[in-house]
């Protein structure tokens, strides 16, 4: 579902709760009761189609994340060896090209990541005879290529996944249009309660309002780097909303990325503490609405 569809679904959920709670009154108008039965059945269809859509997307997304993290980790390792080799050979131009950290891949598109890791692999293959003393073997590069191939395959998005997502997406659209028709009928029939049960009718009108929840939330990506180059996995930044006191946190992965996918826009206090490193605090972190906010943090040794 997109944001508008999610907002519509939230509205229909409120309507269903209200009419269910007042089922005795609804039953006094048989035609209204029939429309409500159709309404509930159509919402079940909508929910099932949403699950179909999400399962297809999430299954593919999860596998892509696994393959991406594996290939990036391998690429950073090989690039680091190529960098040392280039410096020893006084080839600073090449050293600059292979000066790659996990952060380089942080917000890159999948195809950009694939092209870069393949390039790193190919450079290592070309220099293999000179990299023996650096611990690089043909077997290492074969494993690296296998990880590149696995990543390429998963970002190609198998056709059956695309077809299933497209079908479920169309079904969701149709379900919502059918629900709109049913709701128009319910709206007209509910007007009968405007004089006999004004509070019930007022509550119904309030439930029918679509509130735009989605635009009040955004996400933030925090890239964490440790001064001594140690893997930042497990480092947990904590963000506290300065106005509401709401707290959000996430643990960094192998790339040093800690991502909070859903939070309110506003001003936050960021606190990061990790054993062996100086605490980090920033009480003026601006999280902007409707954007992927990015922030880099470097923890210094104690």
C-alpha atoms as a PDB file:
ATOM      1  CA  UNK A   1       0.000   0.000   0.000  1.00  0.00           C
ATOM      2  CA  UNK A   2       1.064   3.563  -0.601  1.00  0.00           C
ATOM      3  CA  UNK A   3       0.541   6.311   1.984  1.00  0.00           C
ATOM      4  CA  UNK A   4      -2.899   7.338   0.670  1.00  0.00           C
ATOM      5  CA  UNK A   5      -4.076   3.731   0.685  1.00  0.00           C
ATOM      6  CA  UNK A   6      -2.777   3.197   4.219  1.00  0.00           C
ATOM      7  CA  UNK A   7      -4.624   6.310   5.372  1.00  0.00           C
ATOM      8  CA  UNK A   8      -7.817   5.076   3.705  1.00  0.00           C
ATOM      9  CA  UNK A   9      -7.393   1.675   5.355  1.00  0.00           C
ATOM     10  CA  UNK A  10      -6.956   3.340   8.756  1.00  0.00           C
ATOM     11  CA  UNK A  11     -10.213   5.212   8.206  1.00  0.00           C
ATOM     12  CA  UNK A  12     -12.110   2.025   7.274  1.00  0.00           C
ATOM     13  CA  UNK A  13     -10.727   0.375  10.394  1.00  0.00           C
ATOM     14  CA  UNK A  14     -12.189   3.164  12.550  1.00  0.00           C
ATOM     15  CA  UNK A  15     -15.540   2.848  10.760  1.00  0.00           C
ATOM     16  CA  UNK A  16     -15.626  -0.909  11.295  1.00  0.00           C
ATOM     17  CA  UNK A  17     -14.820  -0.532  14.993  1.00  0.00           C
ATOM     18  CA  UNK A  18     -17.605   2.025  15.464  1.00  0.00           C
ATOM     19  CA  UNK A  19     -20.269   0.077  13.578  1.00  0.00           C
ATOM     20  CA  UNK A  20     -19.302  -3.147  15.322  1.00  0.00           C
ATOM     21  CA  UNK A  21     -19.588  -1.453  18.710  1.00  0.00           C
ATOM     22  CA  UNK A  22     -23.058  -0.228  17.705  1.00  0.00           C
ATOM     23  CA  UNK A  23     -24.177  -3.391  15.906  1.00  0.00           C
ATOM     24  CA  UNK A  24     -27.575  -3.346  17.653  1.00  0.00           C
ATOM     25  CA  UNK A  25     -28.391   0.027  16.094  1.00  0.00           C
ATOM     26  CA  UNK A  26     -26.979  -1.013  12.724  1.00  0.00           C
ATOM     27  CA  UNK A  27     -29.215  -4.093  12.732  1.00  0.00           C
ATOM     28  CA  UNK A  28     -32.328  -1.915  13.022  1.00  0.00           C
ATOM     29  CA  UNK A  29     -31.856  -1.013   9.353  1.00  0.00           C
ATOM     30  CA  UNK A  30     -31.552  -4.331   7.452  1.00  0.00           C
ATOM     31  CA  UNK A  31     -30.123  -2.758   4.302  1.00  0.00           C
ATOM     32  CA  UNK A  32     -27.457  -0.963   6.369  1.00  0.00           C
ATOM     33  CA  UNK A  33     -26.621  -4.222   8.097  1.00  0.00           C
ATOM     34  CA  UNK A  34     -26.231  -5.938   4.696  1.00  0.00           C
ATOM     35  CA  UNK A  35     -23.902  -3.193   3.477  1.00  0.00           C
ATOM     36  CA  UNK A  36     -21.857  -3.516   6.662  1.00  0.00           C
ATOM     37  CA  UNK A  37     -21.497  -7.268   6.090  1.00  0.00           C
ATOM     38  CA  UNK A  38     -20.208  -6.579   2.556  1.00  0.00           C
ATOM     39  CA  UNK A  39     -17.926  -3.872   3.960  1.00  0.00           C
ATOM     40  CA  UNK A  40     -16.309  -6.268   6.441  1.00  0.00           C
ATOM     41  CA  UNK A  41     -15.858  -8.996   3.824  1.00  0.00           C
ATOM     42  CA  UNK A  42     -14.201  -6.544   1.429  1.00  0.00           C
ATOM     43  CA  UNK A  43     -11.843  -5.356   4.165  1.00  0.00           C
ATOM     44  CA  UNK A  44     -10.781  -8.979   4.729  1.00  0.00           C
ATOM     45  CA  UNK A  45      -9.980  -9.215   0.998  1.00  0.00           C
ATOM     46  CA  UNK A  46      -8.017  -5.976   1.219  1.00  0.00           C
ATOM     47  CA  UNK A  47      -6.018  -7.262   4.181  1.00  0.00           C
ATOM     48  CA  UNK A  48      -5.213 -10.537   2.442  1.00  0.00           C
ATOM     49  CA  UNK A  49      -4.043  -8.739  -0.693  1.00  0.00           C
ATOM     50  CA  UNK A  50      -1.886  -6.422   1.390  1.00  0.00           C
ATOM     51  CA  UNK A  51      -0.247  -9.468   3.007  1.00  0.00           C
ATOM     52  CA  UNK A  52       0.382 -10.951  -0.463  1.00  0.00           C
ATOM     53  CA  UNK A  53       1.994  -7.732  -1.597  1.00  0.00           C
ATOM     54  CA  UNK A  54       4.166  -7.358   1.500  1.00  0.00           C
ATOM     55  CA  UNK A  55       5.300 -10.982   1.637  1.00  0.00           C
ATOM     56  CA  UNK A  56       6.521 -10.807  -1.944  1.00  0.00           C
ATOM     57  CA  UNK A  57       8.326  -7.516  -1.375  1.00  0.00           C
ATOM     58  CA  UNK A  58       9.716  -8.305   2.089  1.00  0.00           C
ATOM     59  CA  UNK A  59      11.006 -11.735   1.094  1.00  0.00           C
ATOM     60  CA  UNK A  60      12.915 -10.259  -1.807  1.00  0.00           C
ATOM     61  CA  UNK A  61      14.073  -7.218   0.188  1.00  0.00           C
ATOM     62  CA  UNK A  62      15.387  -9.345   3.049  1.00  0.00           C
ATOM     63  CA  UNK A  63      17.431 -11.540   0.707  1.00  0.00           C
ATOM     64  CA  UNK A  64      18.763  -8.488  -1.107  1.00  0.00           C
ATOM     65  CA  UNK A  65      19.905  -6.975   2.191  1.00  0.00           C
ATOM     66  CA  UNK A  66      21.745 -10.184   3.108  1.00  0.00           C
ATOM     67  CA  UNK A  67      23.510 -10.395  -0.253  1.00  0.00           C
ATOM     68  CA  UNK A  68      24.336  -6.668  -0.254  1.00  0.00           C
ATOM     69  CA  UNK A  69      25.946  -6.752   3.182  1.00  0.00           C
ATOM     70  CA  UNK A  70      27.982  -9.834   2.243  1.00  0.00           C
ATOM     71  CA  UNK A  71      29.332  -8.404  -1.010  1.00  0.00           C
ATOM     72  CA  UNK A  72      30.065  -4.966   0.473  1.00  0.00           C
ATOM     73  CA  UNK A  73      32.025  -6.506   3.346  1.00  0.00           C
ATOM     74  CA  UNK A  74      34.093  -8.534   0.870  1.00  0.00           C
ATOM     75  CA  UNK A  75      34.620  -5.518  -1.386  1.00  0.00           C
ATOM     76  CA  UNK A  76      35.845  -3.316   1.467  1.00  0.00           C
ATOM     77  CA  UNK A  77      38.328  -6.013   2.507  1.00  0.00           C
ATOM     78  CA  UNK A  78      39.754  -6.442  -1.002  1.00  0.00           C
ATOM     79  CA  UNK A  79      39.773  -2.681  -1.635  1.00  0.00           C
ATOM     80  CA  UNK A  80      41.738  -2.179   1.579  1.00  0.00           C
ATOM     81  CA  UNK A  81      44.429  -4.585   0.365  1.00  0.00           C
ATOM     82  CA  UNK A  82      44.528  -2.908  -3.045  1.00  0.00           C
ATOM     83  CA  UNK A  83      44.938   0.447  -1.306  1.00  0.00           C
ATOM     84  CA  UNK A  84      47.967  -0.710   0.670  1.00  0.00           C
ATOM     85  CA  UNK A  85      49.474  -2.209  -2.494  1.00  0.00           C
ATOM     86  CA  UNK A  86      48.884   1.041  -4.420  1.00  0.00           C
ATOM     87  CA  UNK A  87      50.529   3.153  -1.724  1.00  0.00           C
ATOM     88  CA  UNK A  88      53.561   0.861  -1.661  1.00  0.00           C
ATOM     89  CA  UNK A  89      53.797   1.210  -5.440  1.00  0.00           C
ATOM     90  CA  UNK A  90      53.388   4.980  -5.097  1.00  0.00           C
ATOM     91  CA  UNK A  91      50.352   4.849  -7.383  1.00  0.00           C
ATOM     92  CA  UNK A  92      48.285   7.418  -5.551  1.00  0.00           C
ATOM     93  CA  UNK A  93      45.723   7.765  -8.319  1.00  0.00           C
ATOM     94  CA  UNK A  94      44.838   4.097  -8.035  1.00  0.00           C
ATOM     95  CA  UNK A  95      44.971   4.364  -4.236  1.00  0.00           C
ATOM     96  CA  UNK A  96      42.325   7.076  -4.390  1.00  0.00           C
ATOM     97  CA  UNK A  97      40.072   4.899  -6.529  1.00  0.00           C
ATOM     98  CA  UNK A  98      40.234   1.973  -4.097  1.00  0.00           C
ATOM     99  CA  UNK A  99      40.008   4.051  -0.920  1.00  0.00           C
ATOM    100  CA  UNK A 100      36.632   2.537  -0.084  1.00  0.00           C
ATOM    101  CA  UNK A 101      34.880   2.296   3.295  1.00  0.00           C
ATOM    102  CA  UNK A 102      31.423   0.886   4.105  1.00  0.00           C
ATOM    103  CA  UNK A 103      30.156   4.464   4.088  1.00  0.00           C
ATOM    104  CA  UNK A 104      30.882   4.716   0.351  1.00  0.00           C
ATOM    105  CA  UNK A 105      28.079   2.224  -0.297  1.00  0.00           C
ATOM    106  CA  UNK A 106      25.743   3.744   2.296  1.00  0.00           C
ATOM    107  CA  UNK A 107      23.209   5.396  -0.044  1.00  0.00           C
ATOM    108  CA  UNK A 108      24.324   3.996  -3.386  1.00  0.00           C
ATOM    109  CA  UNK A 109      21.837   2.426  -5.787  1.00  0.00           C
ATOM    110  CA  UNK A 110      21.998  -1.338  -6.186  1.00  0.00           C
ATOM    111  CA  UNK A 111      23.383  -1.121  -9.705  1.00  0.00           C
ATOM    112  CA  UNK A 112      26.072   1.337  -8.564  1.00  0.00           C
ATOM    113  CA  UNK A 113      27.091  -1.035  -5.781  1.00  0.00           C
ATOM    114  CA  UNK A 114      27.251  -3.952  -8.211  1.00  0.00           C
ATOM    115  CA  UNK A 115      29.366  -2.029 -10.729  1.00  0.00           C
ATOM    116  CA  UNK A 116      31.813  -0.863  -8.063  1.00  0.00           C
ATOM    117  CA  UNK A 117      32.317  -4.232  -6.370  1.00  0.00           C
ATOM    118  CA  UNK A 118      32.773  -5.892  -9.765  1.00  0.00           C
ATOM    119  CA  UNK A 119      35.392  -3.301 -10.652  1.00  0.00           C
ATOM    120  CA  UNK A 120      37.229  -3.914  -7.371  1.00  0.00           C
ATOM    121  CA  UNK A 121      37.165  -7.656  -8.037  1.00  0.00           C
ATOM    122  CA  UNK A 122      38.474  -7.222 -11.592  1.00  0.00           C
ATOM    123  CA  UNK A 123      41.326  -4.991 -10.410  1.00  0.00           C
ATOM    124  CA  UNK A 124      42.342  -7.629  -7.870  1.00  0.00           C
ATOM    125  CA  UNK A 125      42.257 -10.350 -10.533  1.00  0.00           C
ATOM    126  CA  UNK A 126      44.503  -8.291 -12.801  1.00  0.00           C
ATOM    127  CA  UNK A 127      47.005  -7.766  -9.983  1.00  0.00           C
ATOM    128  CA  UNK A 128      46.709 -11.218  -8.420  1.00  0.00           C
ATOM    129  CA  UNK A 129      50.349 -12.181  -8.992  1.00  0.00           C
ATOM    130  CA  UNK A 130      51.434  -9.058  -7.112  1.00  0.00           C
ATOM    131  CA  UNK A 131      49.022  -9.579  -4.215  1.00  0.00           C
ATOM    132  CA  UNK A 132      50.255 -12.973  -2.974  1.00  0.00           C
ATOM    133  CA  UNK A 133      52.100 -11.444  -0.022  1.00  0.00           C
ATOM    134  CA  UNK A 134      48.948  -9.552   0.922  1.00  0.00           C
ATOM    135  CA  UNK A 135      46.958 -12.737   1.530  1.00  0.00           C
ATOM    136  CA  UNK A 136      44.859 -12.581  -1.643  1.00  0.00           C
ATOM    137  CA  UNK A 137      44.442 -15.900  -3.470  1.00  0.00           C
ATOM    138  CA  UNK A 138      42.554 -17.041  -6.540  1.00  0.00           C
ATOM    139  CA  UNK A 139      40.190 -18.855  -4.180  1.00  0.00           C
ATOM    140  CA  UNK A 140      39.430 -15.621  -2.332  1.00  0.00           C
ATOM    141  CA  UNK A 141      38.537 -13.881  -5.567  1.00  0.00           C
ATOM    142  CA  UNK A 142      36.386 -16.806  -6.706  1.00  0.00           C
ATOM    143  CA  UNK A 143      34.401 -16.518  -3.471  1.00  0.00           C
ATOM    144  CA  UNK A 144      34.179 -12.750  -3.992  1.00  0.00           C
ATOM    145  CA  UNK A 145      32.817 -13.252  -7.523  1.00  0.00           C
ATOM    146  CA  UNK A 146      30.239 -15.731  -6.223  1.00  0.00           C
ATOM    147  CA  UNK A 147      28.989 -13.105  -3.782  1.00  0.00           C
ATOM    148  CA  UNK A 148      28.866 -10.518  -6.580  1.00  0.00           C
ATOM    149  CA  UNK A 149      26.860 -12.927  -8.740  1.00  0.00           C
ATOM    150  CA  UNK A 150      24.463 -13.650  -5.876  1.00  0.00           C
ATOM    151  CA  UNK A 151      23.898  -9.922  -5.368  1.00  0.00           C
ATOM    152  CA  UNK A 152      23.409  -9.355  -9.108  1.00  0.00           C
ATOM    153  CA  UNK A 153      20.848 -12.145  -9.266  1.00  0.00           C
ATOM    154  CA  UNK A 154      18.814 -10.841  -6.343  1.00  0.00           C
ATOM    155  CA  UNK A 155      18.724  -7.235  -7.602  1.00  0.00           C
ATOM    156  CA  UNK A 156      17.481  -8.488 -10.949  1.00  0.00           C
ATOM    157  CA  UNK A 157      14.102  -9.029  -9.224  1.00  0.00           C
ATOM    158  CA  UNK A 158      12.783 -12.397 -10.455  1.00  0.00           C
ATOM    159  CA  UNK A 159       9.831 -12.019 -12.792  1.00  0.00           C
ATOM    160  CA  UNK A 160       7.492 -14.045 -10.586  1.00  0.00           C
ATOM    161  CA  UNK A 161       8.071 -11.612  -7.710  1.00  0.00           C
ATOM    162  CA  UNK A 162       7.279  -8.635  -9.920  1.00  0.00           C
ATOM    163  CA  UNK A 163       4.159 -10.306 -11.310  1.00  0.00           C
ATOM    164  CA  UNK A 164       2.875 -11.211  -7.834  1.00  0.00           C
ATOM    165  CA  UNK A 165       3.482  -7.700  -6.503  1.00  0.00           C
ATOM    166  CA  UNK A 166       1.779  -6.139  -9.529  1.00  0.00           C
ATOM    167  CA  UNK A 167      -1.232  -8.455  -9.217  1.00  0.00           C
ATOM    168  CA  UNK A 168      -1.618  -7.802  -5.486  1.00  0.00           C
ATOM    169  CA  UNK A 169      -1.206  -4.047  -6.033  1.00  0.00           C
ATOM    170  CA  UNK A 170      -3.992  -4.030  -8.640  1.00  0.00           C
ATOM    171  CA  UNK A 171      -6.233  -6.102  -6.363  1.00  0.00           C
ATOM    172  CA  UNK A 172      -5.653  -3.617  -3.524  1.00  0.00           C
ATOM    173  CA  UNK A 173      -6.634  -0.753  -5.813  1.00  0.00           C
ATOM    174  CA  UNK A 174      -9.821  -2.572  -6.843  1.00  0.00           C
ATOM    175  CA  UNK A 175     -10.687  -3.437  -3.220  1.00  0.00           C
ATOM    176  CA  UNK A 176     -10.398   0.212  -2.217  1.00  0.00           C
ATOM    177  CA  UNK A 177     -12.627   1.358  -5.070  1.00  0.00           C
ATOM    178  CA  UNK A 178     -15.229  -1.258  -4.089  1.00  0.00           C
ATOM    179  CA  UNK A 179     -15.031  -0.111  -0.473  1.00  0.00           C
ATOM    180  CA  UNK A 180     -15.610   3.479  -1.573  1.00  0.00           C
ATOM    181  CA  UNK A 181     -18.866   2.432  -3.268  1.00  0.00           C
ATOM    182  CA  UNK A 182     -20.022   0.527  -0.181  1.00  0.00           C
ATOM    183  CA  UNK A 183     -19.138   3.455   2.069  1.00  0.00           C
ATOM    184  CA  UNK A 184     -21.206   5.850  -0.029  1.00  0.00           C
ATOM    185  CA  UNK A 185     -24.211   3.607   0.528  1.00  0.00           C
ATOM    186  CA  UNK A 186     -23.484   3.416   4.252  1.00  0.00           C
ATOM    187  CA  UNK A 187     -23.103   7.211   4.392  1.00  0.00           C
ATOM    188  CA  UNK A 188     -26.604   7.699   3.004  1.00  0.00           C
ATOM    189  CA  UNK A 189     -28.152   5.079   5.272  1.00  0.00           C
ATOM    190  CA  UNK A 190     -26.375   6.396   8.371  1.00  0.00           C
ATOM    191  CA  UNK A 191     -28.073   9.765   7.902  1.00  0.00           C
ATOM    192  CA  UNK A 192     -31.194   8.173   9.395  1.00  0.00           C
ATOM    193  CA  UNK A 193     -29.483   8.358  12.799  1.00  0.00           C
ATOM    194  CA  UNK A 194     -28.710  12.082  12.570  1.00  0.00           C
ATOM    195  CA  UNK A 195     -31.863  12.950  14.518  1.00  0.00           C
ATOM    196  CA  UNK A 196     -32.614   9.753  16.442  1.00  0.00           C
ATOM    197  CA  UNK A 197     -29.046   9.037  17.613  1.00  0.00           C
ATOM    198  CA  UNK A 198     -27.048  12.222  16.968  1.00  0.00           C
ATOM    199  CA  UNK A 199     -23.985  11.133  18.951  1.00  0.00           C
ATOM    200  CA  UNK A 200     -23.698   7.885  17.000  1.00  0.00           C
ATOM    201  CA  UNK A 201     -24.029   9.801  13.746  1.00  0.00           C
ATOM    202  CA  UNK A 202     -21.449  12.378  14.847  1.00  0.00           C
ATOM    203  CA  UNK A 203     -19.018   9.634  15.816  1.00  0.00           C
ATOM    204  CA  UNK A 204     -19.529   8.057  12.402  1.00  0.00           C
ATOM    205  CA  UNK A 205     -18.715  11.307  10.609  1.00  0.00           C
ATOM    206  CA  UNK A 206     -15.546  11.632  12.678  1.00  0.00           C
ATOM    207  CA  UNK A 207     -14.552   8.051  11.875  1.00  0.00           C
ATOM    208  CA  UNK A 208     -15.053   8.768   8.161  1.00  0.00           C
ATOM    209  CA  UNK A 209     -12.403  11.486   8.182  1.00  0.00           C
ATOM    210  CA  UNK A 210      -9.171  10.388   6.534  1.00  0.00           C
ATOM    211  CA  UNK A 211      -6.199  11.487   8.606  1.00  0.00           C
ATOM    212  CA  UNK A 212      -2.886  11.728   6.764  1.00  0.00           C
ATOM    213  CA  UNK A 213      -0.641   9.801   9.147  1.00  0.00           C
ATOM    214  CA  UNK A 214       2.113   9.095   6.676  1.00  0.00           C
ATOM    215  CA  UNK A 215       3.368  12.618   6.089  1.00  0.00           C
ATOM    216  CA  UNK A 216       4.020  13.183   9.787  1.00  0.00           C
ATOM    217  CA  UNK A 217       6.642  10.447   9.883  1.00  0.00           C
ATOM    218  CA  UNK A 218      10.047  10.101   8.299  1.00  0.00           C
ATOM    219  CA  UNK A 219      13.199   8.035   8.740  1.00  0.00           C
ATOM    220  CA  UNK A 220      16.815   8.614   9.614  1.00  0.00           C
ATOM    221  CA  UNK A 221      20.007   6.811   8.675  1.00  0.00           C
ATOM    222  CA  UNK A 222      22.934   7.139  11.090  1.00  0.00           C
ATOM    223  CA  UNK A 223      26.358   6.082   9.867  1.00  0.00           C
ATOM    224  CA  UNK A 224      28.674   5.314  12.782  1.00  0.00           C
ATOM    225  CA  UNK A 225      32.450   5.176  12.446  1.00  0.00           C
ATOM    226  CA  UNK A 226      34.870   4.200  15.218  1.00  0.00           C
ATOM    227  CA  UNK A 227      38.165   6.123  15.352  1.00  0.00           C
ATOM    228  CA  UNK A 228      40.347   3.011  15.335  1.00  0.00           C
ATOM    229  CA  UNK A 229      38.527   1.431  12.401  1.00  0.00           C
ATOM    230  CA  UNK A 230      36.903  -1.356  14.438  1.00  0.00           C
ATOM    231  CA  UNK A 231      33.596  -2.697  13.117  1.00  0.00           C
ATOM    232  CA  UNK A 232      30.778  -0.549  14.565  1.00  0.00           C
ATOM    233  CA  UNK A 233      28.215  -3.363  14.605  1.00  0.00           C
ATOM    234  CA  UNK A 234      26.068  -3.243  17.727  1.00  0.00           C
ATOM    235  CA  UNK A 235      26.661   0.439  18.493  1.00  0.00           C
ATOM    236  CA  UNK A 236      23.233   1.803  19.449  1.00  0.00           C
ATOM    237  CA  UNK A 237      22.423   5.505  18.995  1.00  0.00           C
ATOM    238  CA  UNK A 238      19.461   6.864  20.992  1.00  0.00           C
ATOM    239  CA  UNK A 239      17.317   9.746  19.734  1.00  0.00           C
ATOM    240  CA  UNK A 240      14.994  11.582  22.138  1.00  0.00           C
ATOM    241  CA  UNK A 241      12.392  14.006  20.823  1.00  0.00           C
ATOM    242  CA  UNK A 242      13.036  17.306  22.611  1.00  0.00           C
ATOM    243  CA  UNK A 243       9.334  18.191  22.647  1.00  0.00           C
ATOM    244  CA  UNK A 244       7.513  14.909  23.314  1.00  0.00           C
ATOM    245  CA  UNK A 245      10.208  12.857  25.020  1.00  0.00           C
ATOM    246  CA  UNK A 246       9.609   9.946  22.626  1.00  0.00           C
ATOM    247  CA  UNK A 247      12.687   7.732  22.290  1.00  0.00           C
ATOM    248  CA  UNK A 248      13.929   5.911  19.189  1.00  0.00           C
ATOM    249  CA  UNK A 249      16.966   3.670  18.819  1.00  0.00           C
ATOM    250  CA  UNK A 250      18.547   1.170  16.425  1.00  0.00           C
ATOM    251  CA  UNK A 251      21.716  -0.924  16.421  1.00  0.00           C
ATOM    252  CA  UNK A 252      24.350  -0.480  13.717  1.00  0.00           C
ATOM    253  CA  UNK A 253      24.968  -3.297  11.234  1.00  0.00           C
ATOM    254  CA  UNK A 254      28.309  -4.464   9.751  1.00  0.00           C
ATOM    255  CA  UNK A 255      28.420  -1.344   7.579  1.00  0.00           C
ATOM    256  CA  UNK A 256      27.986   0.935  10.585  1.00  0.00           C
ATOM    257  CA  UNK A 257      24.449   1.833   9.530  1.00  0.00           C
ATOM    258  CA  UNK A 258      21.746   2.295  12.153  1.00  0.00           C
ATOM    259  CA  UNK A 259      18.415   3.082  10.488  1.00  0.00           C
ATOM    260  CA  UNK A 260      15.177   4.127  12.179  1.00  0.00           C
ATOM    261  CA  UNK A 261      12.446   3.630   9.556  1.00  0.00           C
ATOM    262  CA  UNK A 262       9.550   5.502  11.163  1.00  0.00           C
ATOM    263  CA  UNK A 263       9.597   8.494  13.465  1.00  0.00           C
ATOM    264  CA  UNK A 264       8.063  11.935  13.859  1.00  0.00           C
ATOM    265  CA  UNK A 265       9.728  14.981  12.394  1.00  0.00           C
ATOM    266  CA  UNK A 266      11.185  17.386  14.946  1.00  0.00           C
ATOM    267  CA  UNK A 267      14.285  18.294  16.929  1.00  0.00           C
ATOM    268  CA  UNK A 268      16.035  15.478  18.791  1.00  0.00           C
ATOM    269  CA  UNK A 269      18.848  14.873  21.219  1.00  0.00           C
ATOM    270  CA  UNK A 270      21.217  12.197  19.941  1.00  0.00           C
ATOM    271  CA  UNK A 271      23.267  10.190  22.424  1.00  0.00           C
ATOM    272  CA  UNK A 272      25.732   7.447  21.544  1.00  0.00           C
ATOM    273  CA  UNK A 273      27.751   5.517  24.129  1.00  0.00           C
ATOM    274  CA  UNK A 274      30.032   2.550  23.427  1.00  0.00           C
ATOM    275  CA  UNK A 275      32.617   0.880  25.694  1.00  0.00           C
ATOM    276  CA  UNK A 276      36.133   2.215  25.104  1.00  0.00           C
ATOM    277  CA  UNK A 277      34.968   5.347  23.285  1.00  0.00           C
ATOM    278  CA  UNK A 278      34.044   8.873  24.307  1.00  0.00           C
ATOM    279  CA  UNK A 279      30.268   9.484  24.621  1.00  0.00           C
ATOM    280  CA  UNK A 280      28.737  11.483  21.795  1.00  0.00           C
ATOM    281  CA  UNK A 281      25.868  13.946  22.304  1.00  0.00           C
ATOM    282  CA  UNK A 282      24.095  16.387  20.022  1.00  0.00           C
ATOM    283  CA  UNK A 283      20.957  18.098  21.350  1.00  0.00           C
ATOM    284  CA  UNK A 284      19.983  19.776  18.085  1.00  0.00           C
ATOM    285  CA  UNK A 285      19.453  17.029  15.508  1.00  0.00           C
ATOM    286  CA  UNK A 286      16.848  18.175  12.980  1.00  0.00           C
ATOM    287  CA  UNK A 287      14.694  15.390  11.534  1.00  0.00           C
ATOM    288  CA  UNK A 288      12.846  16.772   8.525  1.00  0.00           C
ATOM    289  CA  UNK A 289       9.423  15.584   7.438  1.00  0.00           C
ATOM    290  CA  UNK A 290       9.088  13.374   4.390  1.00  0.00           C
ATOM    291  CA  UNK A 291      12.811  12.756   3.912  1.00  0.00           C
ATOM    292  CA  UNK A 292      15.491  10.182   4.534  1.00  0.00           C
ATOM    293  CA  UNK A 293      17.658  12.144   6.978  1.00  0.00           C
ATOM    294  CA  UNK A 294      21.350  11.258   6.953  1.00  0.00           C
ATOM    295  CA  UNK A 295      23.893  11.815   9.720  1.00  0.00           C
ATOM    296  CA  UNK A 296      27.471  10.636  10.211  1.00  0.00           C
ATOM    297  CA  UNK A 297      28.985  10.091  13.650  1.00  0.00           C
ATOM    298  CA  UNK A 298      32.609   9.397  14.570  1.00  0.00           C
ATOM    299  CA  UNK A 299      33.339   8.050  18.046  1.00  0.00           C
ATOM    300  CA  UNK A 300      36.764   8.885  19.443  1.00  0.00           C
ATOM    301  CA  UNK A 301      38.803   6.579  21.644  1.00  0.00           C
ATOM    302  CA  UNK A 302      38.821   7.367  25.343  1.00  0.00           C
END
